[in-house]
Amino acid sequence: MQRLSSVLTRVRAETKSAKDPRTIFREFLAHLAGAHRKPAARRAAPKPPPRKRSAKRAK
């Protein structure tokens, strides 16, 4: 619902610049179509290199 509100806000701002209403509606439909797609799978973050062990001190 929040995404719809933000899109409508952008559409209202764009209408002030006298864009073609059909173009705006097509963009709105494109946003809606994008909302139904599954999000892309995220890649796992690379593991940091293993730490080197510190040298043991002699007593």
Protein backbone atom coordinates (compact mmCIF):
# COMPACT_ATOMS: atom_id res chain seq x y z
CA MET A 1 0.00 0.00 0.00
CA GLN A 2 2.88 2.33 0.79
CA ARG A 3 4.40 1.64 -2.63
CA LEU A 4 1.09 2.49 -4.32
CA SER A 5 0.97 5.74 -2.39
CA SER A 6 4.50 6.67 -3.43
CA VAL A 7 3.75 5.87 -7.10
CA LEU A 8 0.60 7.97 -7.01
CA THR A 9 2.56 10.83 -5.44
CA ARG A 10 5.08 10.64 -8.28
CA VAL A 11 2.28 10.51 -10.83
CA ARG A 12 0.67 13.61 -9.35
CA ALA A 13 4.00 15.43 -9.47
CA GLU A 14 4.50 14.40 -13.09
CA THR A 15 1.06 15.59 -14.17
CA LYS A 16 2.05 19.10 -13.18
CA SER A 17 4.73 19.01 -15.88
CA ALA A 18 1.99 18.28 -18.49
CA LYS A 19 3.00 14.72 -19.43
CA ASP A 20 0.68 12.62 -21.54
CA PRO A 21 -1.82 10.88 -19.18
CA ARG A 22 -1.56 7.62 -21.15
CA THR A 23 2.19 7.55 -20.62
CA ILE A 24 1.75 8.06 -16.90
CA PHE A 25 -0.85 5.29 -16.74
CA ARG A 26 1.47 2.90 -18.62
CA GLU A 27 4.27 3.68 -16.16
CA PHE A 28 1.89 3.02 -13.28
CA LEU A 29 0.92 -0.35 -14.78
CA ALA A 30 4.59 -1.19 -15.24
CA HIS A 31 5.14 -0.51 -11.52
CA LEU A 32 2.23 -2.78 -10.65
CA ALA A 33 3.54 -5.54 -12.93
CA GLY A 34 6.95 -5.26 -11.27
CA ALA A 35 5.37 -5.70 -7.84
CA HIS A 36 4.12 -9.18 -8.78
CA ARG A 37 7.53 -10.47 -9.83
CA LYS A 38 9.54 -12.54 -7.42
CA PRO A 39 12.52 -10.70 -5.96
CA ALA A 40 15.90 -11.76 -7.31
CA ALA A 41 17.80 -14.25 -5.16
CA ARG A 42 20.43 -12.59 -3.05
CA ARG A 43 23.97 -13.81 -3.20
CA ALA A 44 25.63 -14.88 0.01
CA ALA A 45 28.17 -12.44 1.36
CA PRO A 46 31.76 -13.60 0.80
CA LYS A 47 33.38 -15.06 3.87
CA PRO A 48 36.29 -13.12 5.36
CA PRO A 49 39.69 -14.82 5.10
CA PRO A 50 40.63 -16.96 8.12
CA ARG A 51 42.63 -15.22 10.83
CA LYS A 52 46.24 -16.15 11.38
CA ARG A 53 47.00 -17.53 14.82
CA SER A 54 49.36 -15.45 16.88
CA ALA A 55 52.76 -16.92 17.70
CA LYS A 56 53.06 -18.53 21.09
CA ARG A 57 55.26 -16.71 23.55
CA ALA A 58 58.12 -18.51 25.28
CA LYS A 59 58.03 -18.50 29.06
